C-alpha atoms as a PDB file:
ATOM      1  CA  MET A   1     -85.025 -86.066 -95.076  1.00  0.00           C
ATOM      2  CA  GLN A   2     -83.293 -83.749 -97.546  1.00  0.00           C
ATOM      3  CA  TRP A   3     -79.931 -85.406 -96.835  1.00  0.00           C
ATOM      4  CA  LEU A   4     -81.407 -88.813 -97.688  1.00  0.00           C
ATOM      5  CA  VAL A   5     -82.711 -87.496-101.007  1.00  0.00           C
ATOM      6  CA  ALA A   6     -79.416 -85.725-101.754  1.00  0.00           C
ATOM      7  CA  ASN A   7     -77.452 -88.890-100.952  1.00  0.00           C
ATOM      8  CA  ALA A   8     -79.695 -90.986-103.192  1.00  0.00           C
ATOM      9  CA  VAL A   9     -79.229 -88.548-106.088  1.00  0.00           C
ATOM     10  CA  PHE A  10     -75.471 -88.315-105.582  1.00  0.00           C
ATOM     11  CA  ALA A  11     -75.118 -92.093-105.202  1.00  0.00           C
ATOM     12  CA  VAL A  12     -76.808 -92.571-108.578  1.00  0.00           C
ATOM     13  CA  LEU A  13     -74.530 -89.906-110.034  1.00  0.00           C
ATOM     14  CA  ALA A  14     -71.448 -91.549-108.495  1.00  0.00           C
ATOM     15  CA  PHE A  15     -72.333 -94.842-110.192  1.00  0.00           C
ATOM     16  CA  ALA A  16     -73.358 -93.217-113.480  1.00  0.00           C
ATOM     17  CA  LEU A  17     -70.114 -91.275-113.960  1.00  0.00           C
ATOM     18  CA  PRO A  18     -66.923 -92.974-115.129  1.00  0.00           C
ATOM     19  CA  LEU A  19     -65.145 -92.742-111.775  1.00  0.00           C
ATOM     20  CA  SER A  20     -62.467 -94.921-110.263  1.00  0.00           C
ATOM     21  CA  ALA A  21     -63.411 -97.204-107.394  1.00  0.00           C
ATOM     22  CA  GLY A  22     -61.515 -94.935-105.007  1.00  0.00           C
ATOM     23  CA  GLU A  23     -63.295 -91.791-106.167  1.00  0.00           C
ATOM     24  CA  ARG A  24     -66.674 -93.497-106.012  1.00  0.00           C
ATOM     25  CA  GLY A  25     -65.962 -94.888-102.550  1.00  0.00           C
ATOM     26  CA  MET A  26     -64.767 -91.531-101.227  1.00  0.00           C
ATOM     27  CA  LEU A  27     -67.878 -89.747-102.491  1.00  0.00           C
ATOM     28  CA  LEU A  28     -70.265 -92.383-101.142  1.00  0.00           C
ATOM     29  CA  MET A  29     -68.448 -92.412 -97.794  1.00  0.00           C
ATOM     30  CA  GLY A  30     -68.730 -88.619 -97.631  1.00  0.00           C
ATOM     31  CA  GLY A  31     -72.481 -88.814 -98.011  1.00  0.00           C
ATOM     32  CA  ILE A  32     -72.694 -91.389 -95.238  1.00  0.00           C
ATOM     33  CA  ILE A  33     -70.573 -89.196 -92.966  1.00  0.00           C
ATOM     34  CA  VAL A  34     -72.957 -86.275 -93.565  1.00  0.00           C
ATOM     35  CA  LEU A  35     -75.861 -88.531 -92.533  1.00  0.00           C
ATOM     36  CA  ALA A  36     -73.990 -89.631 -89.404  1.00  0.00           C
ATOM     37  CA  THR A  37     -73.240 -86.013 -88.493  1.00  0.00           C
ATOM     38  CA  GLU A  38     -76.889 -85.111 -88.983  1.00  0.00           C
ATOM     39  CA  CYS A  39     -77.868 -87.949 -86.624  1.00  0.00           C
ATOM     40  CA  MET A  40     -75.484 -86.574 -83.975  1.00  0.00           C
ATOM     41  CA  ASN A  41     -76.885 -83.071 -84.475  1.00  0.00           C
ATOM     42  CA  THR A  42     -80.433 -84.370 -84.036  1.00  0.00           C
ATOM     43  CA  ALA A  43     -79.387 -86.174 -80.842  1.00  0.00           C
ATOM     44  CA  ILE A  44     -77.868 -82.972 -79.440  1.00  0.00           C
ATOM     45  CA  GLU A  45     -81.004 -80.993 -80.262  1.00  0.00           C
ATOM     46  CA  ARG A  46     -83.310 -83.602 -78.705  1.00  0.00           C
ATOM     47  CA  VAL A  47     -81.294 -83.796 -75.475  1.00  0.00           C
ATOM     48  CA  VAL A  48     -81.072 -80.020 -75.159  1.00  0.00           C
ATOM     49  CA  ASP A  49     -84.819 -79.664 -75.755  1.00  0.00           C
ATOM     50  CA  ASP A  50     -85.588 -82.475 -73.288  1.00  0.00           C
ATOM     51  CA  ILE A  51     -83.553 -80.900 -70.486  1.00  0.00           C
ATOM     52  CA  GLY A  52     -85.626 -77.741 -70.439  1.00  0.00           C
ATOM     53  CA  THR A  53     -87.388 -75.072 -72.434  1.00  0.00           C
ATOM     54  CA  GLU A  54     -85.809 -72.015 -70.815  1.00  0.00           C
ATOM     55  CA  LYS A  55     -83.313 -70.113 -72.948  1.00  0.00           C
ATOM     56  CA  ARG A  56     -79.708 -70.843 -71.992  1.00  0.00           C
ATOM     57  CA  ASP A  57     -76.547 -69.730 -73.750  1.00  0.00           C
ATOM     58  CA  ALA A  58     -74.913 -73.162 -73.409  1.00  0.00           C
ATOM     59  CA  ALA A  59     -77.948 -74.875 -74.966  1.00  0.00           C
ATOM     60  CA  LYS A  60     -77.941 -72.472 -77.906  1.00  0.00           C
ATOM     61  CA  GLN A  61     -74.193 -72.953 -78.388  1.00  0.00           C
ATOM     62  CA  ALA A  62     -74.559 -76.750 -78.322  1.00  0.00           C
ATOM     63  CA  LYS A  63     -77.268 -76.619 -80.983  1.00  0.00           C
ATOM     64  CA  ASP A  64     -75.269 -74.164 -83.086  1.00  0.00           C
ATOM     65  CA  CYS A  65     -72.162 -76.365 -82.896  1.00  0.00           C
ATOM     66  CA  GLY A  66     -74.162 -79.414 -83.993  1.00  0.00           C
ATOM     67  CA  SER A  67     -75.557 -77.528 -86.952  1.00  0.00           C
ATOM     68  CA  ALA A  68     -72.121 -76.178 -87.823  1.00  0.00           C
ATOM     69  CA  ALA A  69     -70.710 -79.713 -87.780  1.00  0.00           C
ATOM     70  CA  VAL A  70     -73.287 -80.772 -90.364  1.00  0.00           C
ATOM     71  CA  ALA A  71     -72.532 -77.726 -92.504  1.00  0.00           C
ATOM     72  CA  VAL A  72     -68.750 -78.207 -92.359  1.00  0.00           C
ATOM     73  CA  THR A  73     -69.096 -81.902 -93.209  1.00  0.00           C
ATOM     74  CA  ALA A  74     -71.387 -81.113 -96.130  1.00  0.00           C
ATOM     75  CA  ILE A  75     -68.980 -78.454 -97.412  1.00  0.00           C
ATOM     76  CA  GLY A  76     -66.157 -80.990 -97.233  1.00  0.00           C
ATOM     77  CA  VAL A  77     -68.138 -83.467 -99.314  1.00  0.00           C
ATOM     78  CA  GLY A  78     -69.009 -80.688-101.756  1.00  0.00           C
ATOM     79  CA  VAL A  79     -65.305 -79.885-102.136  1.00  0.00           C
ATOM     80  CA  ALA A  80     -64.609 -83.571-102.806  1.00  0.00           C
ATOM     81  CA  TRP A  81     -67.299 -83.619-105.508  1.00  0.00           C
ATOM     82  CA  VAL A  82     -65.842 -80.495-107.141  1.00  0.00           C
ATOM     83  CA  CYS A  83     -62.348 -81.994-107.126  1.00  0.00           C
ATOM     84  CA  VAL A  84     -63.554 -85.274-108.640  1.00  0.00           C
ATOM     85  CA  LEU A  85     -65.681 -83.548-111.292  1.00  0.00           C
ATOM     86  CA  VAL A  86     -62.866 -81.163-112.266  1.00  0.00           C
ATOM     87  CA  GLY A  87     -60.515 -84.120-112.514  1.00  0.00           C
ATOM     88  CA  LEU A  88     -63.067 -85.905-114.688  1.00  0.00           C
ATOM     89  CA  VAL A  89     -63.331 -82.936-117.051  1.00  0.00           C
ATOM     90  CA  LEU A  90     -59.545 -82.556-117.291  1.00  0.00           C
ATOM     91  CA  ARG A  91     -58.922 -86.233-118.140  1.00  0.00           C
END
């Protein structure tokens, strides 16, 4: 849910700022990729939980990798935002 709210806020910001079409598209696409990664992470967690409740190293690693994928994707989008905003300030 928090990614939906964050994407809504950043989409408004992307349209409110004087950005080029390419910058705006890249930032909006990044938000959508974060949502897609979160969907994949949720799928991994659901399948792992459905298979069994006993603690297994492979299950923990699968969940950790899914969460890490979301984090890395979000960091990448954050870097893109920083680059665009710095470029906007330096114009």
